């Protein structure tokens, strides 16, 4: 199964000082090695946003260039809006990007790899598969 890797995982792997034995980092490396990682433009933008040092920004941008953006369809955007509304009615809030991730994953039979606890709440209502 292909896996849409959320910003929280990329942030952990690329921005912070972590040990190379960290369980999340090991799992990400395995997914990359197996060519199962998927990227979408909004996640790429979140990863790169707010990096103050130009050299670090360029380094990350170059690293992420190895991952092509999975195409986002008009249906994905519509489904994301429906998912947002459905969760909101149940008292669960999230960002537009989070619901776009959910829609792309569901519409394309992908899992979502994240440490963001909001996705566990979404999974109670939406048919997403968390890794």
C-alpha atoms as a PDB file:
ATOM      1  CA  UNK A   1       0.000   0.000   0.000  1.00  0.00           C
ATOM      2  CA  UNK A   2       1.193   3.493  -0.795  1.00  0.00           C
ATOM      3  CA  UNK A   3       1.511   5.842   2.158  1.00  0.00           C
ATOM      4  CA  UNK A   4       0.815   9.563   2.298  1.00  0.00           C
ATOM      5  CA  UNK A   5       3.356  10.887   4.800  1.00  0.00           C
ATOM      6  CA  UNK A   6       2.027  13.793   6.853  1.00  0.00           C
ATOM      7  CA  UNK A   7       3.959  16.930   7.745  1.00  0.00           C
ATOM      8  CA  UNK A   8       4.370  15.785  11.359  1.00  0.00           C
ATOM      9  CA  UNK A   9       6.520  12.850  10.242  1.00  0.00           C
ATOM     10  CA  UNK A  10       8.595  14.889   7.801  1.00  0.00           C
ATOM     11  CA  UNK A  11       9.112  17.549  10.457  1.00  0.00           C
ATOM     12  CA  UNK A  12      10.339  14.974  12.917  1.00  0.00           C
ATOM     13  CA  UNK A  13      12.682  13.425  10.357  1.00  0.00           C
ATOM     14  CA  UNK A  14      14.013  16.599   8.728  1.00  0.00           C
ATOM     15  CA  UNK A  15      13.942  19.470  11.203  1.00  0.00           C
ATOM     16  CA  UNK A  16      14.612  18.096  14.641  1.00  0.00           C
ATOM     17  CA  UNK A  17      17.529  16.375  16.266  1.00  0.00           C
ATOM     18  CA  UNK A  18      16.423  12.770  16.691  1.00  0.00           C
ATOM     19  CA  UNK A  19      18.252   9.513  16.968  1.00  0.00           C
ATOM     20  CA  UNK A  20      18.458   7.432  13.817  1.00  0.00           C
ATOM     21  CA  UNK A  21      16.942   4.548  15.792  1.00  0.00           C
ATOM     22  CA  UNK A  22      13.730   6.439  16.505  1.00  0.00           C
ATOM     23  CA  UNK A  23      10.837   4.111  15.595  1.00  0.00           C
ATOM     24  CA  UNK A  24       9.150   6.702  13.371  1.00  0.00           C
ATOM     25  CA  UNK A  25      12.388   7.491  11.520  1.00  0.00           C
ATOM     26  CA  UNK A  26      13.105   3.802  10.955  1.00  0.00           C
ATOM     27  CA  UNK A  27       9.601   3.283   9.576  1.00  0.00           C
ATOM     28  CA  UNK A  28       9.910   6.318   7.276  1.00  0.00           C
ATOM     29  CA  UNK A  29      13.244   5.031   5.953  1.00  0.00           C
ATOM     30  CA  UNK A  30      11.660   1.660   5.219  1.00  0.00           C
ATOM     31  CA  UNK A  31       8.788   3.292   3.329  1.00  0.00           C
ATOM     32  CA  UNK A  32      11.204   5.430   1.307  1.00  0.00           C
ATOM     33  CA  UNK A  33      13.382   2.396   0.515  1.00  0.00           C
ATOM     34  CA  UNK A  34      10.290   0.471  -0.598  1.00  0.00           C
ATOM     35  CA  UNK A  35       9.182   3.448  -2.798  1.00  0.00           C
ATOM     36  CA  UNK A  36       5.828   3.585  -0.994  1.00  0.00           C
ATOM     37  CA  UNK A  37       5.958   7.234   0.102  1.00  0.00           C
ATOM     38  CA  UNK A  38       3.565   9.704  -1.517  1.00  0.00           C
ATOM     39  CA  UNK A  39       3.741  13.497  -1.301  1.00  0.00           C
ATOM     40  CA  UNK A  40       1.196  16.180  -2.110  1.00  0.00           C
ATOM     41  CA  UNK A  41       1.908  19.851  -2.713  1.00  0.00           C
ATOM     42  CA  UNK A  42       0.181  21.146   0.432  1.00  0.00           C
ATOM     43  CA  UNK A  43       2.351  18.899   2.628  1.00  0.00           C
ATOM     44  CA  UNK A  44       5.483  20.043   0.782  1.00  0.00           C
ATOM     45  CA  UNK A  45       4.427  23.656   1.412  1.00  0.00           C
ATOM     46  CA  UNK A  46       3.850  23.013   5.129  1.00  0.00           C
ATOM     47  CA  UNK A  47       7.270  21.379   5.471  1.00  0.00           C
ATOM     48  CA  UNK A  48       9.068  24.268   3.795  1.00  0.00           C
ATOM     49  CA  UNK A  49       7.078  27.079   5.410  1.00  0.00           C
ATOM     50  CA  UNK A  50       8.739  29.039   8.167  1.00  0.00           C
ATOM     51  CA  UNK A  51      12.317  27.925   7.590  1.00  0.00           C
ATOM     52  CA  UNK A  52      14.340  31.035   8.352  1.00  0.00           C
ATOM     53  CA  UNK A  53      17.774  30.022   7.135  1.00  0.00           C
ATOM     54  CA  UNK A  54      18.005  30.123   3.326  1.00  0.00           C
ATOM     55  CA  UNK A  55      20.625  27.370   3.133  1.00  0.00           C
ATOM     56  CA  UNK A  56      18.488  25.018   5.240  1.00  0.00           C
ATOM     57  CA  UNK A  57      15.439  25.864   3.118  1.00  0.00           C
ATOM     58  CA  UNK A  58      17.319  25.054  -0.097  1.00  0.00           C
ATOM     59  CA  UNK A  59      18.674  21.815   1.358  1.00  0.00           C
ATOM     60  CA  UNK A  60      15.193  20.627   2.369  1.00  0.00           C
ATOM     61  CA  UNK A  61      13.682  21.766  -0.913  1.00  0.00           C
ATOM     62  CA  UNK A  62      16.317  19.795  -2.809  1.00  0.00           C
ATOM     63  CA  UNK A  63      15.810  16.702  -0.648  1.00  0.00           C
ATOM     64  CA  UNK A  64      12.032  16.809  -1.104  1.00  0.00           C
ATOM     65  CA  UNK A  65      12.423  17.200  -4.885  1.00  0.00           C
ATOM     66  CA  UNK A  66      13.031  13.438  -4.952  1.00  0.00           C
ATOM     67  CA  UNK A  67       9.325  12.984  -4.171  1.00  0.00           C
ATOM     68  CA  UNK A  68       6.930  13.944  -6.956  1.00  0.00           C
ATOM     69  CA  UNK A  69       3.631  15.523  -6.001  1.00  0.00           C
ATOM     70  CA  UNK A  70       0.763  13.073  -6.264  1.00  0.00           C
ATOM     71  CA  UNK A  71      -1.955  14.758  -8.339  1.00  0.00           C
ATOM     72  CA  UNK A  72      -4.874  16.205  -6.406  1.00  0.00           C
ATOM     73  CA  UNK A  73      -8.164  16.010  -8.276  1.00  0.00           C
ATOM     74  CA  UNK A  74     -11.257  18.157  -8.206  1.00  0.00           C
ATOM     75  CA  UNK A  75     -12.998  15.204  -6.532  1.00  0.00           C
ATOM     76  CA  UNK A  76     -10.354  15.211  -3.779  1.00  0.00           C
ATOM     77  CA  UNK A  77     -11.106  18.848  -2.955  1.00  0.00           C
ATOM     78  CA  UNK A  78     -14.858  18.213  -2.919  1.00  0.00           C
ATOM     79  CA  UNK A  79     -14.477  15.150  -0.709  1.00  0.00           C
ATOM     80  CA  UNK A  80     -12.179  17.066   1.645  1.00  0.00           C
ATOM     81  CA  UNK A  81     -14.877  19.705   2.100  1.00  0.00           C
ATOM     82  CA  UNK A  82     -17.477  17.000   2.782  1.00  0.00           C
ATOM     83  CA  UNK A  83     -15.167  15.350   5.309  1.00  0.00           C
ATOM     84  CA  UNK A  84     -14.561  18.691   7.013  1.00  0.00           C
ATOM     85  CA  UNK A  85     -18.329  19.262   7.327  1.00  0.00           C
ATOM     86  CA  UNK A  86     -19.015  15.729   8.547  1.00  0.00           C
ATOM     87  CA  UNK A  87     -16.362  15.945  11.258  1.00  0.00           C
ATOM     88  CA  UNK A  88     -17.388  19.454  12.234  1.00  0.00           C
ATOM     89  CA  UNK A  89     -20.970  18.244  12.779  1.00  0.00           C
ATOM     90  CA  UNK A  90     -19.546  15.655  15.198  1.00  0.00           C
ATOM     91  CA  UNK A  91     -17.549  18.318  17.055  1.00  0.00           C
ATOM     92  CA  UNK A  92     -14.184  17.390  15.539  1.00  0.00           C
ATOM     93  CA  UNK A  93     -12.144  20.165  13.971  1.00  0.00           C
ATOM     94  CA  UNK A  94      -9.144  20.058  11.696  1.00  0.00           C
ATOM     95  CA  UNK A  95      -7.355  22.088   9.076  1.00  0.00           C
ATOM     96  CA  UNK A  96      -8.253  22.178   5.410  1.00  0.00           C
ATOM     97  CA  UNK A  97      -4.921  20.499   4.651  1.00  0.00           C
ATOM     98  CA  UNK A  98      -5.671  17.681   7.098  1.00  0.00           C
ATOM     99  CA  UNK A  99      -8.974  16.943   5.392  1.00  0.00           C
ATOM    100  CA  UNK A 100      -7.351  17.166   1.968  1.00  0.00           C
ATOM    101  CA  UNK A 101      -4.847  14.541   3.144  1.00  0.00           C
ATOM    102  CA  UNK A 102      -7.750  12.357   4.268  1.00  0.00           C
ATOM    103  CA  UNK A 103      -9.586  12.765   0.959  1.00  0.00           C
ATOM    104  CA  UNK A 104      -6.535  12.037  -1.202  1.00  0.00           C
ATOM    105  CA  UNK A 105      -5.750   8.978   0.924  1.00  0.00           C
ATOM    106  CA  UNK A 106      -9.299   7.601   0.799  1.00  0.00           C
ATOM    107  CA  UNK A 107      -9.836   8.335  -2.897  1.00  0.00           C
ATOM    108  CA  UNK A 108      -6.544   6.678  -3.837  1.00  0.00           C
ATOM    109  CA  UNK A 109      -6.505   3.809  -1.308  1.00  0.00           C
ATOM    110  CA  UNK A 110      -3.486   5.114   0.588  1.00  0.00           C
ATOM    111  CA  UNK A 111      -2.582   4.888   4.236  1.00  0.00           C
ATOM    112  CA  UNK A 112      -1.688   7.993   6.244  1.00  0.00           C
ATOM    113  CA  UNK A 113       1.535   8.047   8.282  1.00  0.00           C
ATOM    114  CA  UNK A 114       1.261  10.708  10.963  1.00  0.00           C
ATOM    115  CA  UNK A 115       1.919  11.488  14.597  1.00  0.00           C
ATOM    116  CA  UNK A 116      -0.821  14.144  14.593  1.00  0.00           C
ATOM    117  CA  UNK A 117      -3.439  13.023  17.132  1.00  0.00           C
ATOM    118  CA  UNK A 118      -6.218  14.774  15.192  1.00  0.00           C
ATOM    119  CA  UNK A 119      -6.109  11.991  12.609  1.00  0.00           C
ATOM    120  CA  UNK A 120      -7.076   9.461  15.286  1.00  0.00           C
ATOM    121  CA  UNK A 121     -10.199  11.534  15.873  1.00  0.00           C
ATOM    122  CA  UNK A 122     -10.909  11.748  12.136  1.00  0.00           C
ATOM    123  CA  UNK A 123     -10.546   7.955  11.886  1.00  0.00           C
ATOM    124  CA  UNK A 124     -13.530   7.522  14.196  1.00  0.00           C
ATOM    125  CA  UNK A 125     -15.711   9.104  11.510  1.00  0.00           C
ATOM    126  CA  UNK A 126     -13.829   8.848   8.222  1.00  0.00           C
ATOM    127  CA  UNK A 127     -12.700   5.669   6.431  1.00  0.00           C
ATOM    128  CA  UNK A 128      -8.993   6.536   6.665  1.00  0.00           C
ATOM    129  CA  UNK A 129      -6.222   4.009   7.333  1.00  0.00           C
ATOM    130  CA  UNK A 130      -3.553   5.194   9.734  1.00  0.00           C
ATOM    131  CA  UNK A 131      -0.042   3.755   9.723  1.00  0.00           C
END
